[in-house]
Amino acid sequence: MPASMPRAPQFRVHKPTNQAYVFVGGHRVYLGCPNKPETIQKYHQYVAELLASGGLPNDNPQSLTIKELVSRFWIWAENYYVNPDGKLSVEIEKIPAGIQAAVRAVRGHAGRCVRPPSAAGSATEDD
């Protein structure tokens, strides 16, 4: 069964600082003063982006782990590969094998830096 649609986070106010925030992914995202129209606009913008991404916060892609990437992809796939009758498509059964192949391909490179291609045209790894 496809994953349910994510819910919008509640608009909250941090009373000691009088700052509006939402609580997403275990973190507070501060939006500004709660009574200002700009803050309400920020809230609606953040919620729209959050719902468009399947309920996952838009973090810095540079800090995304492979596990988080796979998790996000799986959530997307469960909503994308759905037949008109609401059941998951057979295409989704092929995904785990593809993910395993991708993980095997990058497993040996964890923690290594790859230099940009040199003038000779070949990339070299740092030792």
Protein backbone atom coordinates (compact mmCIF):
# COMPACT_ATOMS: atom_id res chain seq x y z
CA MET A 1 0.00 0.00 0.00
CA PRO A 2 1.38 3.47 -0.83
CA ALA A 3 2.61 5.63 1.99
CA SER A 4 0.10 8.17 3.26
CA MET A 5 0.54 11.81 2.40
CA PRO A 6 2.60 13.70 4.95
CA ARG A 7 0.85 16.15 7.25
CA ALA A 8 1.77 19.80 7.52
CA PRO A 9 3.75 20.61 10.67
CA GLN A 10 2.00 22.68 13.31
CA PHE A 11 2.77 26.40 13.48
CA ARG A 12 4.17 26.93 16.99
CA VAL A 13 5.54 29.78 19.08
CA HIS A 14 8.64 29.57 21.27
CA LYS A 15 7.43 31.74 24.13
CA PRO A 16 10.79 32.69 25.70
CA THR A 17 12.02 34.21 22.42
CA ASN A 18 8.61 34.97 20.85
CA GLN A 19 9.69 33.18 17.66
CA ALA A 20 7.40 31.15 15.40
CA TYR A 21 8.70 27.72 14.43
CA VAL A 22 7.78 24.31 13.06
CA PHE A 23 9.14 21.03 14.38
CA VAL A 24 10.31 18.78 11.53
CA GLY A 25 12.63 15.80 11.57
CA GLY A 26 13.53 16.32 15.21
CA HIS A 27 14.59 19.94 14.64
CA ARG A 28 12.98 23.32 15.09
CA VAL A 29 12.88 25.54 12.05
CA TYR A 30 12.45 29.15 13.18
CA LEU A 31 10.38 31.42 10.97
CA GLY A 32 10.37 34.82 12.71
CA CYS A 33 7.92 36.87 14.77
CA PRO A 34 4.59 35.03 14.94
CA ASN A 35 2.33 38.03 14.25
CA LYS A 36 3.97 39.23 11.04
CA PRO A 37 2.62 38.44 7.55
CA GLU A 38 6.17 37.55 6.39
CA THR A 39 6.31 34.80 9.00
CA ILE A 40 3.00 33.34 7.86
CA GLN A 41 4.29 33.49 4.27
CA LYS A 42 7.51 31.68 5.32
CA TYR A 43 5.40 29.02 7.07
CA HIS A 44 3.24 28.41 4.00
CA GLN A 45 6.32 28.32 1.74
CA TYR A 46 8.11 25.86 4.02
CA VAL A 47 5.03 23.61 4.25
CA ALA A 48 4.59 23.67 0.46
CA GLU A 49 8.23 22.64 -0.06
CA LEU A 50 7.95 20.00 2.65
CA LEU A 51 4.83 18.44 1.16
CA ALA A 52 6.29 18.60 -2.36
CA SER A 53 9.32 16.62 -1.17
CA GLY A 54 7.19 13.86 0.36
CA GLY A 55 7.39 15.21 3.89
CA LEU A 56 11.16 15.29 4.09
CA PRO A 57 12.98 18.47 5.05
CA ASN A 58 15.07 20.06 2.32
CA ASP A 59 18.48 19.63 3.92
CA ASN A 60 21.84 20.42 2.45
CA PRO A 61 22.40 17.73 -0.21
CA GLN A 62 26.11 17.70 0.67
CA SER A 63 25.27 16.23 4.09
CA LEU A 64 22.88 13.57 2.79
CA THR A 65 23.93 9.99 3.61
CA ILE A 66 23.33 7.06 1.30
CA LYS A 67 20.88 5.63 3.84
CA GLU A 68 18.89 8.90 3.89
CA LEU A 69 18.95 9.10 0.09
CA VAL A 70 17.65 5.56 -0.27
CA SER A 71 14.97 6.21 2.34
CA ARG A 72 13.81 9.35 0.55
CA PHE A 73 13.80 7.58 -2.80
CA TRP A 74 11.76 4.69 -1.38
CA ILE A 75 9.11 7.09 -0.03
CA TRP A 76 8.94 8.75 -3.43
CA ALA A 77 8.76 5.39 -5.26
CA GLU A 78 5.89 4.13 -3.09
CA ASN A 79 3.86 7.14 -4.16
CA TYR A 80 4.98 7.13 -7.81
CA TYR A 81 4.76 3.43 -8.76
CA VAL A 82 1.04 2.99 -8.08
CA ASN A 83 -1.46 1.40 -10.45
CA PRO A 84 -4.78 3.15 -11.18
CA ASP A 85 -6.47 0.73 -8.75
CA GLY A 86 -4.25 2.03 -5.92
CA LYS A 87 -2.00 -1.04 -5.62
CA LEU A 88 1.77 -0.86 -5.97
CA SER A 89 3.09 -1.50 -9.46
CA VAL A 90 5.31 -4.51 -10.18
CA GLU A 91 8.03 -1.99 -11.11
CA ILE A 92 8.64 -1.32 -7.43
CA GLU A 93 9.81 -4.93 -6.99
CA LYS A 94 12.86 -4.15 -9.17
CA ILE A 95 14.05 -1.28 -6.99
CA PRO A 96 15.77 -3.21 -4.14
CA ALA A 97 18.10 -4.98 -6.59
CA GLY A 98 19.03 -1.65 -8.17
CA ILE A 99 19.68 -0.07 -4.77
CA GLN A 100 21.87 -3.02 -3.73
CA ALA A 101 23.90 -2.69 -6.93
CA ALA A 102 24.37 1.04 -6.36
CA VAL A 103 25.47 0.52 -2.76
CA ARG A 104 27.98 -2.14 -3.84
CA ALA A 105 29.34 0.27 -6.46
CA VAL A 106 30.02 3.06 -3.95
CA ARG A 107 30.93 0.94 -0.90
CA GLY A 108 34.64 0.83 -1.74
CA HIS A 109 34.83 4.60 -2.13
CA ALA A 110 33.54 5.60 1.31
CA GLY A 111 35.77 8.24 2.85
CA ARG A 112 37.94 8.72 -0.23
CA CYS A 113 38.26 11.98 -2.08
CA VAL A 114 38.41 11.94 -5.84
CA ARG A 115 40.48 14.64 -7.46
CA PRO A 116 39.14 16.37 -10.54
CA PRO A 117 40.54 15.09 -13.84
CA SER A 118 44.13 16.18 -14.40
CA ALA A 119 45.47 17.71 -17.55
CA ALA A 120 46.14 14.17 -18.78
CA GLY A 121 42.39 13.52 -18.49
CA SER A 122 42.24 10.89 -15.74
CA ALA A 123 40.84 11.20 -12.22
CA THR A 124 43.02 10.02 -9.37
CA GLU A 125 42.13 9.16 -5.77
CA ASP A 126 43.78 10.64 -2.70
CA ASP A 127 45.62 8.15 -0.53
